Amino acid sequence: MKNFAARVAGLATLALAALPIAALSTAAHAQGAERVHVADLNLASAAGKATFEQRVDSAARHLCRDERRLEVNAACQAAVRSEANEKASANMQMASRI
């Protein structure tokens, strides 16, 4: 069972190798897409998840940096985090089916 879990984690890591992150605000769309690289992470571990969250936070700050209004900036960053987590979950589920 551990071998199977390791395989699933490995496949999930490959599936998430280049997770594109796009913010939902106008300012972020004007900036384009940001990528959060996860090929080097084990998202099944606490350390891997923490590193993933740090990278997503960095991408969110980068994408939303031009938004001056605090509430809009916060909403932009929340949208980026939400989209990143949704895509990561979807890719993990897809990899677990393989």
PDB file of N, CA and C in Angstrom:
ATOM      1  N   MET A   1       0.819  -1.196   0.000  1.00  0.00           N
ATOM      2  CA  MET A   1       0.000   0.000   0.000  1.00  0.00           C
ATOM      3  C   MET A   1       0.863   1.261   0.000  1.00  0.00           C
ATOM      4  N   LYS A   2       1.986   1.237   0.713  1.00  0.00           N
ATOM      5  CA  LYS A   2       2.861   2.399   0.734  1.00  0.00           C
ATOM      6  C   LYS A   2       3.454   2.651  -0.650  1.00  0.00           C
ATOM      7  N   ASN A   3       3.772   1.562  -1.363  1.00  0.00           N
ATOM      8  CA  ASN A   3       4.323   1.688  -2.704  1.00  0.00           C
ATOM      9  C   ASN A   3       3.301   2.346  -3.632  1.00  0.00           C
ATOM     10  N   PHE A   4       2.035   1.952  -3.497  1.00  0.00           N
ATOM     11  CA  PHE A   4       0.975   2.546  -4.309  1.00  0.00           C
ATOM     12  C   PHE A   4       0.849   4.035  -3.999  1.00  0.00           C
ATOM     13  N   ALA A   5       0.867   4.386  -2.715  1.00  0.00           N
ATOM     14  CA  ALA A   5       0.760   5.797  -2.321  1.00  0.00           C
ATOM     15  C   ALA A   5       1.944   6.594  -2.858  1.00  0.00           C
ATOM     16  N   ALA A   6       3.121   6.010  -2.851  1.00  0.00           N
ATOM     17  CA  ALA A   6       4.300   6.696  -3.379  1.00  0.00           C
ATOM     18  C   ALA A   6       4.158   6.918  -4.880  1.00  0.00           C
ATOM     19  N   ARG A   7       3.617   5.931  -5.572  1.00  0.00           N
ATOM     20  CA  ARG A   7       3.394   6.087  -7.018  1.00  0.00           C
ATOM     21  C   ARG A   7       2.387   7.189  -7.305  1.00  0.00           C
ATOM     22  N   VAL A   8       1.296   7.208  -6.541  1.00  0.00           N
ATOM     23  CA  VAL A   8       0.272   8.229  -6.728  1.00  0.00           C
ATOM     24  C   VAL A   8       0.870   9.606  -6.465  1.00  0.00           C
ATOM     25  N   ALA A   9       1.651   9.734  -5.390  1.00  0.00           N
ATOM     26  CA  ALA A   9       2.281  11.015  -5.075  1.00  0.00           C
ATOM     27  C   ALA A   9       3.228  11.428  -6.199  1.00  0.00           C
ATOM     28  N   GLY A  10       3.964  10.471  -6.744  1.00  0.00           N
ATOM     29  CA  GLY A  10       4.871  10.768  -7.849  1.00  0.00           C
ATOM     30  C   GLY A  10       4.123  11.225  -9.092  1.00  0.00           C
ATOM     31  N   LEU A  11       3.042  10.552  -9.408  1.00  0.00           N
ATOM     32  CA  LEU A  11       2.235  10.944 -10.563  1.00  0.00           C
ATOM     33  C   LEU A  11       1.590  12.309 -10.350  1.00  0.00           C
ATOM     34  N   ALA A  12       1.127  12.545  -9.143  1.00  0.00           N
ATOM     35  CA  ALA A  12       0.527  13.846  -8.850  1.00  0.00           C
ATOM     36  C   ALA A  12       1.557  14.959  -8.995  1.00  0.00           C
ATOM     37  N   THR A  13       2.765  14.684  -8.555  1.00  0.00           N
ATOM     38  CA  THR A  13       3.833  15.674  -8.675  1.00  0.00           C
ATOM     39  C   THR A  13       4.103  15.984 -10.135  1.00  0.00           C
ATOM     40  N   LEU A  14       4.141  14.948 -10.973  1.00  0.00           N
ATOM     41  CA  LEU A  14       4.355  15.169 -12.401  1.00  0.00           C
ATOM     42  C   LEU A  14       3.189  15.934 -13.028  1.00  0.00           C
ATOM     43  N   ALA A  15       1.980  15.582 -12.613  1.00  0.00           N
ATOM     44  CA  ALA A  15       0.807  16.248 -13.173  1.00  0.00           C
ATOM     45  C   ALA A  15       0.768  17.723 -12.811  1.00  0.00           C
ATOM     46  N   LEU A  16       1.349  18.045 -11.670  1.00  0.00           N
ATOM     47  CA  LEU A  16       1.335  19.428 -11.208  1.00  0.00           C
ATOM     48  C   LEU A  16       2.626  20.170 -11.536  1.00  0.00           C
ATOM     49  N   ALA A  17       3.438  19.597 -12.401  1.00  0.00           N
ATOM     50  CA  ALA A  17       4.764  20.158 -12.670  1.00  0.00           C
ATOM     51  C   ALA A  17       4.730  21.626 -13.075  1.00  0.00           C
ATOM     52  N   ALA A  18       3.706  22.012 -13.748  1.00  0.00           N
ATOM     53  CA  ALA A  18       3.612  23.420 -14.155  1.00  0.00           C
ATOM     54  C   ALA A  18       2.178  23.880 -13.989  1.00  0.00           C
ATOM     55  N   LEU A  19       1.818  24.149 -12.775  1.00  0.00           N
ATOM     56  CA  LEU A  19       0.457  24.536 -12.460  1.00  0.00           C
ATOM     57  C   LEU A  19       0.243  26.009 -12.786  1.00  0.00           C
ATOM     58  N   PRO A  20      -0.507  26.305 -13.844  1.00  0.00           N
ATOM     59  CA  PRO A  20      -0.720  27.719 -14.169  1.00  0.00           C
ATOM     60  C   PRO A  20      -1.717  28.342 -13.206  1.00  0.00           C
ATOM     61  N   ILE A  21      -1.389  29.539 -12.805  1.00  0.00           N
ATOM     62  CA  ILE A  21      -2.244  30.281 -11.885  1.00  0.00           C
ATOM     63  C   ILE A  21      -2.650  31.578 -12.572  1.00  0.00           C
ATOM     64  N   ALA A  22      -3.934  31.812 -12.668  1.00  0.00           N
ATOM     65  CA  ALA A  22      -4.414  33.072 -13.240  1.00  0.00           C
ATOM     66  C   ALA A  22      -5.391  33.697 -12.263  1.00  0.00           C
ATOM     67  N   ALA A  23      -5.196  34.928 -11.977  1.00  0.00           N
ATOM     68  CA  ALA A  23      -6.093  35.622 -11.047  1.00  0.00           C
ATOM     69  C   ALA A  23      -7.398  35.968 -11.748  1.00  0.00           C
ATOM     70  N   LEU A  24      -8.422  36.193 -10.970  1.00  0.00           N
ATOM     71  CA  LEU A  24      -9.733  36.473 -11.526  1.00  0.00           C
ATOM     72  C   LEU A  24     -10.021  37.960 -11.662  1.00  0.00           C
ATOM     73  N   SER A  25      -9.132  38.801 -11.157  1.00  0.00           N
ATOM     74  CA  SER A  25      -9.377  40.243 -11.252  1.00  0.00           C
ATOM     75  C   SER A  25      -8.869  40.778 -12.585  1.00  0.00           C
ATOM     76  N   THR A  26      -9.353  41.925 -12.970  1.00  0.00           N
ATOM     77  CA  THR A  26      -8.938  42.552 -14.220  1.00  0.00           C
ATOM     78  C   THR A  26      -7.455  42.867 -14.216  1.00  0.00           C
ATOM     79  N   ALA A  27      -6.971  43.365 -13.092  1.00  0.00           N
ATOM     80  CA  ALA A  27      -5.551  43.713 -13.001  1.00  0.00           C
ATOM     81  C   ALA A  27      -4.682  42.484 -13.224  1.00  0.00           C
ATOM     82  N   ALA A  28      -5.070  41.385 -12.647  1.00  0.00           N
ATOM     83  CA  ALA A  28      -4.282  40.170 -12.798  1.00  0.00           C
ATOM     84  C   ALA A  28      -4.353  39.644 -14.227  1.00  0.00           C
ATOM     85  N   HIS A  29      -5.524  39.729 -14.853  1.00  0.00           N
ATOM     86  CA  HIS A  29      -5.629  39.268 -16.231  1.00  0.00           C
ATOM     87  C   HIS A  29      -4.747  40.104 -17.153  1.00  0.00           C
ATOM     88  N   ALA A  30      -4.616  41.369 -16.844  1.00  0.00           N
ATOM     89  CA  ALA A  30      -3.756  42.223 -17.647  1.00  0.00           C
ATOM     90  C   ALA A  30      -2.298  41.790 -17.521  1.00  0.00           C
ATOM     91  N   GLN A  31      -1.931  41.224 -16.399  1.00  0.00           N
ATOM     92  CA  GLN A  31      -0.567  40.769 -16.165  1.00  0.00           C
ATOM     93  C   GLN A  31      -0.292  39.434 -16.859  1.00  0.00           C
ATOM     94  N   GLY A  32      -1.310  38.639 -17.088  1.00  0.00           N
ATOM     95  CA  GLY A  32      -1.117  37.335 -17.697  1.00  0.00           C
ATOM     96  C   GLY A  32      -1.168  36.240 -16.640  1.00  0.00           C
ATOM     97  N   ALA A  33      -0.602  35.108 -16.978  1.00  0.00           N
ATOM     98  CA  ALA A  33      -0.634  33.959 -16.074  1.00  0.00           C
ATOM     99  C   ALA A  33       0.687  33.837 -15.336  1.00  0.00           C
ATOM    100  N   GLU A  34       0.604  33.250 -14.194  1.00  0.00           N
ATOM    101  CA  GLU A  34       1.771  32.977 -13.365  1.00  0.00           C
ATOM    102  C   GLU A  34       1.823  31.462 -13.191  1.00  0.00           C
ATOM    103  N   ARG A  35       3.009  30.920 -13.108  1.00  0.00           N
ATOM    104  CA  ARG A  35       3.146  29.478 -12.904  1.00  0.00           C
ATOM    105  C   ARG A  35       3.729  29.205 -11.531  1.00  0.00           C
ATOM    106  N   VAL A  36       3.189  28.178 -10.909  1.00  0.00           N
ATOM    107  CA  VAL A  36       3.709  27.715  -9.623  1.00  0.00           C
ATOM    108  C   VAL A  36       4.294  26.334  -9.883  1.00  0.00           C
ATOM    109  N   HIS A  37       5.595  26.232  -9.802  1.00  0.00           N
ATOM    110  CA  HIS A  37       6.269  24.964 -10.082  1.00  0.00           C
ATOM    111  C   HIS A  37       6.204  24.049  -8.866  1.00  0.00           C
ATOM    112  N   VAL A  38       5.802  22.815  -9.114  1.00  0.00           N
ATOM    113  CA  VAL A  38       5.647  21.865  -8.019  1.00  0.00           C
ATOM    114  C   VAL A  38       6.327  20.536  -8.297  1.00  0.00           C
ATOM    115  N   ALA A  39       7.065  20.439  -9.380  1.00  0.00           N
ATOM    116  CA  ALA A  39       7.683  19.169  -9.744  1.00  0.00           C
ATOM    117  C   ALA A  39       8.641  18.679  -8.670  1.00  0.00           C
ATOM    118  N   ASP A  40       9.207  19.605  -7.918  1.00  0.00           N
ATOM    119  CA  ASP A  40      10.167  19.233  -6.887  1.00  0.00           C
ATOM    120  C   ASP A  40       9.523  19.029  -5.524  1.00  0.00           C
ATOM    121  N   LEU A  41       8.197  19.090  -5.445  1.00  0.00           N
ATOM    122  CA  LEU A  41       7.497  19.002  -4.168  1.00  0.00           C
ATOM    123  C   LEU A  41       6.773  17.673  -3.994  1.00  0.00           C
ATOM    124  N   ASN A  42       6.720  17.217  -2.773  1.00  0.00           N
ATOM    125  CA  ASN A  42       5.883  16.076  -2.405  1.00  0.00           C
ATOM    126  C   ASN A  42       4.666  16.670  -1.708  1.00  0.00           C
ATOM    127  N   LEU A  43       3.579  16.808  -2.443  1.00  0.00           N
ATOM    128  CA  LEU A  43       2.395  17.461  -1.894  1.00  0.00           C
ATOM    129  C   LEU A  43       1.653  16.586  -0.894  1.00  0.00           C
ATOM    130  N   ALA A  44       2.113  15.373  -0.696  1.00  0.00           N
ATOM    131  CA  ALA A  44       1.531  14.521   0.327  1.00  0.00           C
ATOM    132  C   ALA A  44       2.171  14.781   1.686  1.00  0.00           C
ATOM    133  N   SER A  45       3.249  15.547   1.707  1.00  0.00           N
ATOM    134  CA  SER A  45       3.934  15.844   2.979  1.00  0.00           C
ATOM    135  C   SER A  45       3.578  17.248   3.449  1.00  0.00           C
ATOM    136  N   ALA A  46       3.716  17.473   4.748  1.00  0.00           N
ATOM    137  CA  ALA A  46       3.445  18.798   5.316  1.00  0.00           C
ATOM    138  C   ALA A  46       4.426  19.831   4.772  1.00  0.00           C
ATOM    139  N   ALA A  47       5.681  19.447   4.630  1.00  0.00           N
ATOM    140  CA  ALA A  47       6.694  20.371   4.117  1.00  0.00           C
ATOM    141  C   ALA A  47       6.396  20.749   2.665  1.00  0.00           C
ATOM    142  N   GLY A  48       5.988  19.775   1.862  1.00  0.00           N
ATOM    143  CA  GLY A  48       5.646  20.044   0.468  1.00  0.00           C
ATOM    144  C   GLY A  48       4.446  20.964   0.350  1.00  0.00           C
ATOM    145  N   LYS A  49       3.442  20.734   1.195  1.00  0.00           N
ATOM    146  CA  LYS A  49       2.259  21.599   1.180  1.00  0.00           C
ATOM    147  C   LYS A  49       2.615  23.022   1.602  1.00  0.00           C
ATOM    148  N   ALA A  50       3.466  23.143   2.614  1.00  0.00           N
ATOM    149  CA  ALA A  50       3.868  24.477   3.087  1.00  0.00           C
ATOM    150  C   ALA A  50       4.623  25.233   1.994  1.00  0.00           C
ATOM    151  N   THR A  51       5.514  24.541   1.293  1.00  0.00           N
ATOM    152  CA  THR A  51       6.261  25.175   0.210  1.00  0.00           C
ATOM    153  C   THR A  51       5.324  25.568  -0.922  1.00  0.00           C
ATOM    154  N   PHE A  52       4.364  24.701  -1.233  1.00  0.00           N
ATOM    155  CA  PHE A  52       3.367  25.013  -2.255  1.00  0.00           C
ATOM    156  C   PHE A  52       2.600  26.285  -1.879  1.00  0.00           C
ATOM    157  N   GLU A  53       2.156  26.379  -0.627  1.00  0.00           N
ATOM    158  CA  GLU A  53       1.416  27.553  -0.176  1.00  0.00           C
ATOM    159  C   GLU A  53       2.271  28.818  -0.269  1.00  0.00           C
ATOM    160  N   GLN A  54       3.550  28.717   0.067  1.00  0.00           N
ATOM    161  CA  GLN A  54       4.444  29.872  -0.048  1.00  0.00           C
ATOM    162  C   GLN A  54       4.567  30.319  -1.505  1.00  0.00           C
ATOM    163  N   ARG A  55       4.689  29.361  -2.403  1.00  0.00           N
ATOM    164  CA  ARG A  55       4.811  29.696  -3.822  1.00  0.00           C
ATOM    165  C   ARG A  55       3.529  30.319  -4.360  1.00  0.00           C
ATOM    166  N   VAL A  56       2.399  29.789  -3.922  1.00  0.00           N
ATOM    167  CA  VAL A  56       1.112  30.349  -4.349  1.00  0.00           C
ATOM    168  C   VAL A  56       0.954  31.763  -3.800  1.00  0.00           C
ATOM    169  N   ASP A  57       1.333  31.972  -2.545  1.00  0.00           N
ATOM    170  CA  ASP A  57       1.259  33.320  -1.961  1.00  0.00           C
ATOM    171  C   ASP A  57       2.126  34.301  -2.745  1.00  0.00           C
ATOM    172  N   SER A  58       3.310  33.866  -3.121  1.00  0.00           N
ATOM    173  CA  SER A  58       4.202  34.713  -3.894  1.00  0.00           C
ATOM    174  C   SER A  58       3.592  35.050  -5.257  1.00  0.00           C
ATOM    175  N   ALA A  59       3.017  34.047  -5.908  1.00  0.00           N
ATOM    176  CA  ALA A  59       2.372  34.272  -7.207  1.00  0.00           C
ATOM    177  C   ALA A  59       1.181  35.222  -7.053  1.00  0.00           C
ATOM    178  N   ALA A  60       0.414  35.053  -5.988  1.00  0.00           N
ATOM    179  CA  ALA A  60      -0.745  35.928  -5.755  1.00  0.00           C
ATOM    180  C   ALA A  60      -0.301  37.376  -5.545  1.00  0.00           C
ATOM    181  N   ARG A  61       0.733  37.568  -4.747  1.00  0.00           N
ATOM    182  CA  ARG A  61       1.232  38.931  -4.536  1.00  0.00           C
ATOM    183  C   ARG A  61       1.734  39.531  -5.852  1.00  0.00           C
ATOM    184  N   HIS A  62       2.410  38.710  -6.650  1.00  0.00           N
ATOM    185  CA  HIS A  62       2.938  39.192  -7.932  1.00  0.00           C
ATOM    186  C   HIS A  62       1.805  39.572  -8.887  1.00  0.00           C
ATOM    187  N   LEU A  63       0.816  38.709  -9.012  1.00  0.00           N
ATOM    188  CA  LEU A  63      -0.280  38.966  -9.945  1.00  0.00           C
ATOM    189  C   LEU A  63      -1.144  40.150  -9.527  1.00  0.00           C
ATOM    190  N   CYS A  64      -1.267  40.378  -8.241  1.00  0.00           N
ATOM    191  CA  CYS A  64      -2.186  41.401  -7.740  1.00  0.00           C
ATOM    192  C   CYS A  64      -1.472  42.672  -7.306  1.00  0.00           C
ATOM    193  N   ARG A  65      -0.196  42.780  -7.591  1.00  0.00           N
ATOM    194  CA  ARG A  65       0.613  43.886  -7.077  1.00  0.00           C
ATOM    195  C   ARG A  65       0.177  45.258  -7.563  1.00  0.00           C
ATOM    196  N   ASP A  66      -0.451  45.353  -8.721  1.00  0.00           N
ATOM    197  CA  ASP A  66      -0.848  46.648  -9.262  1.00  0.00           C
ATOM    198  C   ASP A  66      -2.192  47.134  -8.735  1.00  0.00           C
ATOM    199  N   GLU A  67      -2.890  46.263  -8.025  1.00  0.00           N
ATOM    200  CA  GLU A  67      -4.200  46.635  -7.478  1.00  0.00           C
ATOM    201  C   GLU A  67      -3.990  47.460  -6.213  1.00  0.00           C
ATOM    202  N   ARG A  68      -4.389  48.726  -6.234  1.00  0.00           N
ATOM    203  CA  ARG A  68      -4.110  49.660  -5.135  1.00  0.00           C
ATOM    204  C   ARG A  68      -5.141  49.579  -4.007  1.00  0.00           C
ATOM    205  N   ARG A  69      -6.387  49.313  -4.344  1.00  0.00           N
ATOM    206  CA  ARG A  69      -7.422  49.253  -3.304  1.00  0.00           C
ATOM    207  C   ARG A  69      -7.251  47.969  -2.513  1.00  0.00           C
ATOM    208  N   LEU A  70      -7.120  48.121  -1.196  1.00  0.00           N
ATOM    209  CA  LEU A  70      -6.813  46.987  -0.330  1.00  0.00           C
ATOM    210  C   LEU A  70      -7.818  45.850  -0.446  1.00  0.00           C
ATOM    211  N   GLU A  71      -9.109  46.188  -0.474  1.00  0.00           N
ATOM    212  CA  GLU A  71     -10.120  45.124  -0.526  1.00  0.00           C
ATOM    213  C   GLU A  71     -10.089  44.391  -1.866  1.00  0.00           C
ATOM    214  N   VAL A  72      -9.796  45.108  -2.928  1.00  0.00           N
ATOM    215  CA  VAL A  72      -9.709  44.477  -4.246  1.00  0.00           C
ATOM    216  C   VAL A  72      -8.435  43.635  -4.329  1.00  0.00           C
ATOM    217  N   ASN A  73      -7.341  44.146  -3.775  1.00  0.00           N
ATOM    218  CA  ASN A  73      -6.091  43.395  -3.751  1.00  0.00           C
ATOM    219  C   ASN A  73      -6.268  42.101  -2.961  1.00  0.00           C
ATOM    220  N   ALA A  74      -6.925  42.195  -1.802  1.00  0.00           N
ATOM    221  CA  ALA A  74      -7.164  41.003  -0.975  1.00  0.00           C
ATOM    222  C   ALA A  74      -8.049  39.995  -1.705  1.00  0.00           C
ATOM    223  N   ALA A  75      -9.081  40.483  -2.394  1.00  0.00           N
ATOM    224  CA  ALA A  75      -9.966  39.595  -3.156  1.00  0.00           C
ATOM    225  C   ALA A  75      -9.207  38.936  -4.307  1.00  0.00           C
ATOM    226  N   CYS A  76      -8.351  39.699  -4.956  1.00  0.00           N
ATOM    227  CA  CYS A  76      -7.537  39.165  -6.049  1.00  0.00           C
ATOM    228  C   CYS A  76      -6.644  38.037  -5.540  1.00  0.00           C
ATOM    229  N   GLN A  77      -5.948  38.288  -4.435  1.00  0.00           N
ATOM    230  CA  GLN A  77      -5.050  37.273  -3.884  1.00  0.00           C
ATOM    231  C   GLN A  77      -5.822  36.041  -3.420  1.00  0.00           C
ATOM    232  N   ALA A  78      -6.987  36.247  -2.824  1.00  0.00           N
ATOM    233  CA  ALA A  78      -7.816  35.115  -2.396  1.00  0.00           C
ATOM    234  C   ALA A  78      -8.258  34.287  -3.602  1.00  0.00           C
ATOM    235  N   ALA A  79      -8.582  34.962  -4.707  1.00  0.00           N
ATOM    236  CA  ALA A  79      -9.001  34.252  -5.919  1.00  0.00           C
ATOM    237  C   ALA A  79      -7.846  33.427  -6.492  1.00  0.00           C
ATOM    238  N   VAL A  80      -6.646  33.972  -6.464  1.00  0.00           N
ATOM    239  CA  VAL A  80      -5.479  33.243  -6.960  1.00  0.00           C
ATOM    240  C   VAL A  80      -5.247  31.993  -6.098  1.00  0.00           C
ATOM    241  N   ARG A  81      -5.306  32.165  -4.786  1.00  0.00           N
ATOM    242  CA  ARG A  81      -5.098  31.023  -3.878  1.00  0.00           C
ATOM    243  C   ARG A  81      -6.163  29.957  -4.089  1.00  0.00           C
ATOM    244  N   SER A  82      -7.405  30.404  -4.239  1.00  0.00           N
ATOM    245  CA  SER A  82      -8.514  29.469  -4.441  1.00  0.00           C
ATOM    246  C   SER A  82      -8.334  28.677  -5.739  1.00  0.00           C
ATOM    247  N   GLU A  83      -7.996  29.383  -6.807  1.00  0.00           N
ATOM    248  CA  GLU A  83      -7.815  28.708  -8.094  1.00  0.00           C
ATOM    249  C   GLU A  83      -6.647  27.726  -8.046  1.00  0.00           C
ATOM    250  N   ALA A  84      -5.562  28.120  -7.401  1.00  0.00           N
ATOM    251  CA  ALA A  84      -4.400  27.237  -7.296  1.00  0.00           C
ATOM    252  C   ALA A  84      -4.752  25.978  -6.524  1.00  0.00           C
ATOM    253  N   ASN A  85      -5.470  26.128  -5.425  1.00  0.00           N
ATOM    254  CA  ASN A  85      -5.846  24.965  -4.621  1.00  0.00           C
ATOM    255  C   ASN A  85      -6.838  24.073  -5.352  1.00  0.00           C
ATOM    256  N   GLU A  86      -7.761  24.678  -6.101  1.00  0.00           N
ATOM    257  CA  GLU A  86      -8.705  23.884  -6.890  1.00  0.00           C
ATOM    258  C   GLU A  86      -7.977  23.073  -7.953  1.00  0.00           C
ATOM    259  N   LYS A  87      -7.039  23.712  -8.650  1.00  0.00           N
ATOM    260  CA  LYS A  87      -6.306  23.013  -9.705  1.00  0.00           C
ATOM    261  C   LYS A  87      -5.414  21.918  -9.113  1.00  0.00           C
ATOM    262  N   ALA A  88      -4.805  22.194  -7.987  1.00  0.00           N
ATOM    263  CA  ALA A  88      -3.964  21.188  -7.345  1.00  0.00           C
ATOM    264  C   ALA A  88      -4.805  19.990  -6.929  1.00  0.00           C
ATOM    265  N   SER A  89      -5.985  20.247  -6.345  1.00  0.00           N
ATOM    266  CA  SER A  89      -6.871  19.155  -5.930  1.00  0.00           C
ATOM    267  C   SER A  89      -7.347  18.346  -7.126  1.00  0.00           C
ATOM    268  N   ALA A  90      -7.729  19.032  -8.178  1.00  0.00           N
ATOM    269  CA  ALA A  90      -8.213  18.335  -9.380  1.00  0.00           C
ATOM    270  C   ALA A  90      -7.112  17.476  -9.984  1.00  0.00           C
ATOM    271  N   ASN A  91      -5.891  17.998 -10.035  1.00  0.00           N
ATOM    272  CA  ASN A  91      -4.786  17.223 -10.599  1.00  0.00           C
ATOM    273  C   ASN A  91      -4.418  16.045  -9.703  1.00  0.00           C
ATOM    274  N   MET A  92      -4.507  16.226  -8.406  1.00  0.00           N
ATOM    275  CA  MET A  92      -4.221  15.123  -7.475  1.00  0.00           C
ATOM    276  C   MET A  92      -5.260  14.015  -7.648  1.00  0.00           C
ATOM    277  N   GLN A  93      -6.540  14.403  -7.805  1.00  0.00           N
ATOM    278  CA  GLN A  93      -7.595  13.408  -8.008  1.00  0.00           C
ATOM    279  C   GLN A  93      -7.391  12.690  -9.331  1.00  0.00           C
ATOM    280  N   MET A  94      -7.027  13.414 -10.375  1.00  0.00           N
ATOM    281  CA  MET A  94      -6.794  12.807 -11.680  1.00  0.00           C
ATOM    282  C   MET A  94      -5.623  11.824 -11.598  1.00  0.00           C
ATOM    283  N   ALA A  95      -4.583  12.209 -10.914  1.00  0.00           N
ATOM    284  CA  ALA A  95      -3.410  11.331 -10.792  1.00  0.00           C
ATOM    285  C   ALA A  95      -3.723  10.100  -9.979  1.00  0.00           C
ATOM    286  N   SER A  96      -4.618  10.211  -9.020  1.00  0.00           N
ATOM    287  CA  SER A  96      -4.948   9.049  -8.183  1.00  0.00           C
ATOM    288  C   SER A  96      -5.768   8.020  -8.957  1.00  0.00           C
ATOM    289  N   ARG A  97      -6.394   8.432 -10.047  1.00  0.00           N
ATOM    290  CA  ARG A  97      -7.177   7.506 -10.866  1.00  0.00           C
ATOM    291  C   ARG A  97      -6.306   6.717 -11.831  1.00  0.00           C
ATOM    292  N   ILE A  98      -5.076   7.180 -12.024  1.00  0.00           N
ATOM    293  CA  ILE A  98      -4.189   6.526 -12.990  1.00  0.00           C
ATOM    294  C   ILE A  98      -3.602   5.268 -12.382  1.00  0.00           C
TER     295      ILE A  98
END
